[in-house]
PDB file of N, CA and C in Angstrom:
ATOM      1  N   MET A   1       6.512  36.016  27.053  1.00  0.00           N
ATOM      2  CA  MET A   1       7.840  37.387  27.214  1.00  0.00           C
ATOM      3  C   MET A   1       9.240  35.939  26.920  1.00  0.00           C
ATOM      4  N   GLU A   2       8.582  35.266  27.988  1.00  0.00           N
ATOM      5  CA  GLU A   2       9.880  34.082  28.212  1.00  0.00           C
ATOM      6  C   GLU A   2      10.212  33.312  26.842  1.00  0.00           C
ATOM      7  N   LYS A   3       9.260  33.086  26.402  1.00  0.00           N
ATOM      8  CA  LYS A   3       9.238  32.608  25.000  1.00  0.00           C
ATOM      9  C   LYS A   3      10.313  33.429  23.906  1.00  0.00           C
ATOM     10  N   GLY A   4       9.637  34.253  24.105  1.00  0.00           N
ATOM     11  CA  GLY A   4      10.561  35.499  22.921  1.00  0.00           C
ATOM     12  C   GLY A   4      11.914  35.190  23.620  1.00  0.00           C
ATOM     13  N   ARG A   5      12.812  35.841  24.803  1.00  0.00           N
ATOM     14  CA  ARG A   5      13.658  35.899  25.481  1.00  0.00           C
ATOM     15  C   ARG A   5      14.652  33.909  24.630  1.00  0.00           C
ATOM     16  N   PHE A   6      13.713  33.099  25.212  1.00  0.00           N
ATOM     17  CA  PHE A   6      14.500  32.077  24.628  1.00  0.00           C
ATOM     18  C   PHE A   6      14.967  31.961  22.986  1.00  0.00           C
ATOM     19  N   ASN A   7      13.704  32.145  22.428  1.00  0.00           N
ATOM     20  CA  ASN A   7      14.124  32.213  20.903  1.00  0.00           C
ATOM     21  C   ASN A   7      15.510  33.048  20.620  1.00  0.00           C
ATOM     22  N   PHE A   8      15.689  34.166  21.161  1.00  0.00           N
ATOM     23  CA  PHE A   8      16.450  35.031  20.907  1.00  0.00           C
ATOM     24  C   PHE A   8      17.973  34.624  21.140  1.00  0.00           C
ATOM     25  N   ALA A   9      17.499  33.781  22.425  1.00  0.00           N
ATOM     26  CA  ALA A   9      18.946  32.930  22.610  1.00  0.00           C
ATOM     27  C   ALA A   9      19.838  32.126  21.988  1.00  0.00           C
ATOM     28  N   LEU A  10      18.747  31.393  21.214  1.00  0.00           N
ATOM     29  CA  LEU A  10      18.989  30.111  20.122  1.00  0.00           C
ATOM     30  C   LEU A  10      18.965  31.138  18.879  1.00  0.00           C
ATOM     31  N   LEU A  11      18.445  31.935  18.440  1.00  0.00           N
ATOM     32  CA  LEU A  11      18.884  32.771  16.878  1.00  0.00           C
ATOM     33  C   LEU A  11      19.805  33.451  17.055  1.00  0.00           C
ATOM     34  N   TYR A  12      20.668  34.099  17.808  1.00  0.00           N
ATOM     35  CA  TYR A  12      21.685  35.025  18.024  1.00  0.00           C
ATOM     36  C   TYR A  12      22.851  34.319  17.452  1.00  0.00           C
ATOM     37  N   PRO A  13      22.728  33.264  18.517  1.00  0.00           N
ATOM     38  CA  PRO A  13      24.103  32.367  18.244  1.00  0.00           C
ATOM     39  C   PRO A  13      24.277  31.862  16.876  1.00  0.00           C
ATOM     40  N   PHE A  14      23.032  31.203  16.550  1.00  0.00           N
ATOM     41  CA  PHE A  14      22.813  30.665  14.989  1.00  0.00           C
ATOM     42  C   PHE A  14      22.936  31.759  13.931  1.00  0.00           C
ATOM     43  N   LEU A  15      22.959  33.209  14.398  1.00  0.00           N
ATOM     44  CA  LEU A  15      22.987  33.856  13.185  1.00  0.00           C
ATOM     45  C   LEU A  15      24.451  33.921  12.726  1.00  0.00           C
ATOM     46  N   ALA A  16      25.251  34.427  14.248  1.00  0.00           N
ATOM     47  CA  ALA A  16      26.731  34.296  14.115  1.00  0.00           C
ATOM     48  C   ALA A  16      27.076  33.956  13.679  1.00  0.00           C
ATOM     49  N   VAL A  17      27.066  32.503  13.917  1.00  0.00           N
ATOM     50  CA  VAL A  17      27.527  31.518  13.028  1.00  0.00           C
ATOM     51  C   VAL A  17      27.729  31.517  11.632  1.00  0.00           C
ATOM     52  N   ILE A  18      26.282  31.528  11.195  1.00  0.00           N
ATOM     53  CA  ILE A  18      25.872  31.928   9.662  1.00  0.00           C
ATOM     54  C   ILE A  18      26.633  33.099   8.998  1.00  0.00           C
ATOM     55  N   ILE A  19      26.644  34.675   9.617  1.00  0.00           N
ATOM     56  CA  ILE A  19      27.134  35.318   9.196  1.00  0.00           C
ATOM     57  C   ILE A  19      28.675  35.236   9.189  1.00  0.00           C
ATOM     58  N   ILE A  20      29.593  34.271  10.178  1.00  0.00           N
ATOM     59  CA  ILE A  20      31.148  34.487  10.374  1.00  0.00           C
ATOM     60  C   ILE A  20      31.305  33.401   9.089  1.00  0.00           C
ATOM     61  N   ALA A  21      30.253  32.006   8.904  1.00  0.00           N
ATOM     62  CA  ALA A  21      30.470  31.080   7.994  1.00  0.00           C
ATOM     63  C   ALA A  21      30.652  31.989   6.114  1.00  0.00           C
ATOM     64  N   ALA A  22      29.539  32.699   6.101  1.00  0.00           N
ATOM     65  CA  ALA A  22      29.312  33.712   4.721  1.00  0.00           C
ATOM     66  C   ALA A  22      30.536  34.187   4.402  1.00  0.00           C
ATOM     67  N   TYR A  23      31.224  35.302   6.011  1.00  0.00           N
ATOM     68  CA  TYR A  23      32.147  36.123   5.195  1.00  0.00           C
ATOM     69  C   TYR A  23      33.324  35.324   5.048  1.00  0.00           C
ATOM     70  N   ALA A  24      33.571  34.251   5.974  1.00  0.00           N
ATOM     71  CA  ALA A  24      34.718  33.561   5.451  1.00  0.00           C
ATOM     72  C   ALA A  24      34.732  32.770   4.332  1.00  0.00           C
ATOM     73  N   GLY A  25      33.554  32.186   3.901  1.00  0.00           N
ATOM     74  CA  GLY A  25      33.533  31.214   2.628  1.00  0.00           C
ATOM     75  C   GLY A  25      33.921  32.682   1.559  1.00  0.00           C
ATOM     76  N   GLY A  26      33.323  34.130   1.581  1.00  0.00           N
ATOM     77  CA  GLY A  26      33.476  34.659   0.520  1.00  0.00           C
ATOM     78  C   GLY A  26      34.694  34.734   0.603  1.00  0.00           C
ATOM     79  N   LEU A  27      35.275  35.218   1.326  1.00  0.00           N
ATOM     80  CA  LEU A  27      36.726  35.905   1.646  1.00  0.00           C
ATOM     81  C   LEU A  27      37.886  34.710   0.978  1.00  0.00           C
ATOM     82  N   GLY A  28      37.266  33.197   1.326  1.00  0.00           N
ATOM     83  CA  GLY A  28      38.216  32.597   0.341  1.00  0.00           C
ATOM     84  C   GLY A  28      38.166  32.316  -1.043  1.00  0.00           C
ATOM     85  N   VAL A  29      36.814  32.248  -1.054  1.00  0.00           N
ATOM     86  CA  VAL A  29      36.233  31.971  -2.974  1.00  0.00           C
ATOM     87  C   VAL A  29      37.075  33.619  -3.740  1.00  0.00           C
ATOM     88  N   LEU A  30      37.295  34.345  -2.721  1.00  0.00           N
ATOM     89  CA  LEU A  30      37.845  35.484  -3.474  1.00  0.00           C
ATOM     90  C   LEU A  30      39.271  35.571  -3.534  1.00  0.00           C
ATOM     91  N   PHE A  31      40.297  35.032  -2.251  1.00  0.00           N
ATOM     92  CA  PHE A  31      41.443  34.487  -2.493  1.00  0.00           C
ATOM     93  C   PHE A  31      41.622  33.217  -3.870  1.00  0.00           C
ATOM     94  N   MET A  32      40.915  32.371  -3.997  1.00  0.00           N
ATOM     95  CA  MET A  32      40.829  31.209  -5.215  1.00  0.00           C
ATOM     96  C   MET A  32      40.763  32.025  -6.597  1.00  0.00           C
ATOM     97  N   VAL A  33      39.799  32.575  -6.481  1.00  0.00           N
ATOM     98  CA  VAL A  33      39.852  33.267  -7.727  1.00  0.00           C
ATOM     99  C   VAL A  33      40.889  33.786  -8.016  1.00  0.00           C
ATOM    100  N   LEU A  34      41.622  35.132  -7.146  1.00  0.00           N
ATOM    101  CA  LEU A  34      42.557  35.754  -7.691  1.00  0.00           C
ATOM    102  C   LEU A  34      43.949  34.758  -7.702  1.00  0.00           C
ATOM    103  N   ASN A  35      43.767  34.108  -7.253  1.00  0.00           N
ATOM    104  CA  ASN A  35      45.181  32.760  -7.743  1.00  0.00           C
ATOM    105  C   ASN A  35      44.947  32.408  -9.029  1.00  0.00           C
ATOM    106  N   GLU A  36      43.583  32.167  -9.442  1.00  0.00           N
ATOM    107  CA  GLU A  36      43.675  31.563 -10.668  1.00  0.00           C
ATOM    108  C   GLU A  36      43.259  32.300 -11.657  1.00  0.00           C
ATOM    109  N   VAL A  37      42.907  33.667 -11.884  1.00  0.00           N
ATOM    110  CA  VAL A  37      42.867  34.293 -12.670  1.00  0.00           C
ATOM    111  C   VAL A  37      43.878  35.627 -13.281  1.00  0.00           C
ATOM    112  N   VAL A  38      44.362  36.395 -11.934  1.00  0.00           N
ATOM    113  CA  VAL A  38      44.914  37.723 -11.881  1.00  0.00           C
ATOM    114  C   VAL A  38      46.253  37.447 -12.042  1.00  0.00           C
ATOM    115  N   MET A  39      47.243  37.421 -11.184  1.00  0.00           N
ATOM    116  CA  MET A  39      48.845  37.326 -10.592  1.00  0.00           C
ATOM    117  C   MET A  39      48.903  36.173 -10.207  1.00  0.00           C
ATOM    118  N   GLU A  40      48.225  34.923 -10.255  1.00  0.00           N
ATOM    119  CA  GLU A  40      48.505  33.788  -9.176  1.00  0.00           C
ATOM    120  C   GLU A  40      48.663  33.943  -7.685  1.00  0.00           C
ATOM    121  N   GLU A  41      49.912  33.698  -7.046  1.00  0.00           N
ATOM    122  CA  GLU A  41      50.295  34.116  -6.009  1.00  0.00           C
ATOM    123  C   GLU A  41      50.681  35.374  -4.991  1.00  0.00           C
ATOM    124  N   TRP A  42      50.725  36.130  -6.474  1.00  0.00           N
ATOM    125  CA  TRP A  42      51.238  37.713  -5.370  1.00  0.00           C
ATOM    126  C   TRP A  42      49.752  38.283  -5.469  1.00  0.00           C
ATOM    127  N   SER A  43      49.101  38.039  -6.093  1.00  0.00           N
ATOM    128  CA  SER A  43      47.855  38.769  -5.932  1.00  0.00           C
ATOM    129  C   SER A  43      47.165  38.450  -4.880  1.00  0.00           C
ATOM    130  N   VAL A  44      47.352  37.146  -3.836  1.00  0.00           N
ATOM    131  CA  VAL A  44      46.726  36.503  -2.562  1.00  0.00           C
ATOM    132  C   VAL A  44      47.288  37.294  -1.529  1.00  0.00           C
ATOM    133  N   VAL A  45      48.864  37.042  -1.929  1.00  0.00           N
ATOM    134  CA  VAL A  45      50.111  37.932  -1.220  1.00  0.00           C
ATOM    135  C   VAL A  45      49.434  39.470  -0.888  1.00  0.00           C
ATOM    136  N   VAL A  46      49.231  39.860  -1.577  1.00  0.00           N
ATOM    137  CA  VAL A  46      49.046  41.514  -1.582  1.00  0.00           C
ATOM    138  C   VAL A  46      47.731  41.662  -1.161  1.00  0.00           C
ATOM    139  N   LEU A  47      46.812  41.043  -1.460  1.00  0.00           N
ATOM    140  CA  LEU A  47      45.427  41.590  -0.569  1.00  0.00           C
ATOM    141  C   LEU A  47      45.405  40.694   0.428  1.00  0.00           C
ATOM    142  N   GLY A  48      46.234  39.823   1.253  1.00  0.00           N
ATOM    143  CA  GLY A  48      46.152  39.377   2.676  1.00  0.00           C
ATOM    144  C   GLY A  48      47.026  40.342   3.336  1.00  0.00           C
ATOM    145  N   MET A  49      48.204  40.939   2.533  1.00  0.00           N
ATOM    146  CA  MET A  49      48.807  41.872   3.049  1.00  0.00           C
ATOM    147  C   MET A  49      48.544  43.361   3.334  1.00  0.00           C
ATOM    148  N   ALA A  50      46.954  43.782   2.004  1.00  0.00           N
ATOM    149  CA  ALA A  50      46.529  44.726   2.438  1.00  0.00           C
ATOM    150  C   ALA A  50      45.282  44.819   3.737  1.00  0.00           C
ATOM    151  N   LEU A  51      44.672  43.002   3.967  1.00  0.00           N
ATOM    152  CA  LEU A  51      44.149  42.983   5.200  1.00  0.00           C
ATOM    153  C   LEU A  51      44.757  43.361   6.461  1.00  0.00           C
ATOM    154  N   VAL A  52      45.946  42.287   6.478  1.00  0.00           N
ATOM    155  CA  VAL A  52      46.604  42.965   7.574  1.00  0.00           C
ATOM    156  C   VAL A  52      46.781  44.146   8.470  1.00  0.00           C
ATOM    157  N   VAL A  53      47.514  44.580   6.907  1.00  0.00           N
ATOM    158  CA  VAL A  53      47.775  46.246   7.508  1.00  0.00           C
ATOM    159  C   VAL A  53      46.111  46.730   7.672  1.00  0.00           C
ATOM    160  N   GLY A  54      45.419  46.928   6.738  1.00  0.00           N
ATOM    161  CA  GLY A  54      44.808  47.942   6.428  1.00  0.00           C
ATOM    162  C   GLY A  54      43.639  47.843   7.416  1.00  0.00           C
ATOM    163  N   VAL A  55      42.890  46.570   8.199  1.00  0.00           N
ATOM    164  CA  VAL A  55      41.872  46.246   9.066  1.00  0.00           C
ATOM    165  C   VAL A  55      42.554  47.370  10.160  1.00  0.00           C
ATOM    166  N   PRO A  56      44.129  47.041  11.128  1.00  0.00           N
ATOM    167  CA  PRO A  56      44.110  47.726  12.360  1.00  0.00           C
ATOM    168  C   PRO A  56      44.170  49.400  11.860  1.00  0.00           C
ATOM    169  N   VAL A  57      44.713  49.779  10.686  1.00  0.00           N
ATOM    170  CA  VAL A  57      44.728  50.903  10.673  1.00  0.00           C
ATOM    171  C   VAL A  57      43.906  51.697  10.548  1.00  0.00           C
ATOM    172  N   VAL A  58      42.426  51.103   9.628  1.00  0.00           N
ATOM    173  CA  VAL A  58      40.851  51.354   9.579  1.00  0.00           C
ATOM    174  C   VAL A  58      40.730  51.506  11.306  1.00  0.00           C
ATOM    175  N   ALA A  59      40.450  50.938  12.061  1.00  0.00           N
ATOM    176  CA  ALA A  59      40.005  50.314  13.448  1.00  0.00           C
ATOM    177  C   ALA A  59      41.044  51.532  14.631  1.00  0.00           C
ATOM    178  N   ALA A  60      41.828  51.784  13.787  1.00  0.00           N
ATOM    179  CA  ALA A  60      42.646  52.987  14.935  1.00  0.00           C
ATOM    180  C   ALA A  60      42.054  54.306  14.247  1.00  0.00           C
ATOM    181  N   LEU A  61      42.137  54.763  12.924  1.00  0.00           N
ATOM    182  CA  LEU A  61      41.477  55.731  12.559  1.00  0.00           C
ATOM    183  C   LEU A  61      40.165  55.986  13.283  1.00  0.00           C
ATOM    184  N   VAL A  62      38.916  54.992  13.090  1.00  0.00           N
ATOM    185  CA  VAL A  62      37.791  55.094  13.788  1.00  0.00           C
ATOM    186  C   VAL A  62      38.305  55.512  15.131  1.00  0.00           C
ATOM    187  N   GLN A  63      38.974  54.807  15.847  1.00  0.00           N
ATOM    188  CA  GLN A  63      38.331  54.816  17.613  1.00  0.00           C
ATOM    189  C   GLN A  63      39.421  56.338  17.720  1.00  0.00           C
ATOM    190  N   ARG A  64      40.492  56.805  16.842  1.00  0.00           N
ATOM    191  CA  ARG A  64      40.593  58.050  17.129  1.00  0.00           C
ATOM    192  C   ARG A  64      39.674  58.984  16.872  1.00  0.00           C
ATOM    193  N   ARG A  65      38.687  58.906  15.834  1.00  0.00           N
ATOM    194  CA  ARG A  65      37.552  59.688  15.736  1.00  0.00           C
ATOM    195  C   ARG A  65      36.919  59.602  16.413  1.00  0.00           C
ATOM    196  N   LEU A  66      36.152  58.290  17.466  1.00  0.00           N
ATOM    197  CA  LEU A  66      35.136  58.403  18.223  1.00  0.00           C
ATOM    198  C   LEU A  66      35.569  59.108  19.466  1.00  0.00           C
ATOM    199  N   GLU A  67      36.832  58.919  20.079  1.00  0.00           N
ATOM    200  CA  GLU A  67      37.413  59.844  21.354  1.00  0.00           C
ATOM    201  C   GLU A  67      37.839  60.916  20.929  1.00  0.00           C
ATOM    202  N   ARG A  68      37.705  61.412  19.872  1.00  0.00           N
ATOM    203  CA  ARG A  68      37.765  62.956  19.508  1.00  0.00           C
ATOM    204  C   ARG A  68      35.960  63.754  20.350  1.00  0.00           C
ATOM    205  N   GLU A  69      34.952  63.206  19.580  1.00  0.00           N
ATOM    206  CA  GLU A  69      33.799  63.235  19.804  1.00  0.00           C
ATOM    207  C   GLU A  69      32.996  63.094  21.304  1.00  0.00           C
TER     208      GLU A  69
END
């Protein structure tokens, strides 16, 4: 039992780092592709603003729905 807990204590932080790095890398690649292919800087600005505004709005809506239940 103790060995399993030790393995999970090492596994979870490692998986967290891998997942965050993959997410950040994918987002970086998306920004670079948009910059080169679509409308250059403006597509990156629009996507960045959508993320800055959209993520908190979605979080607030989910929180409101969870509080009603």
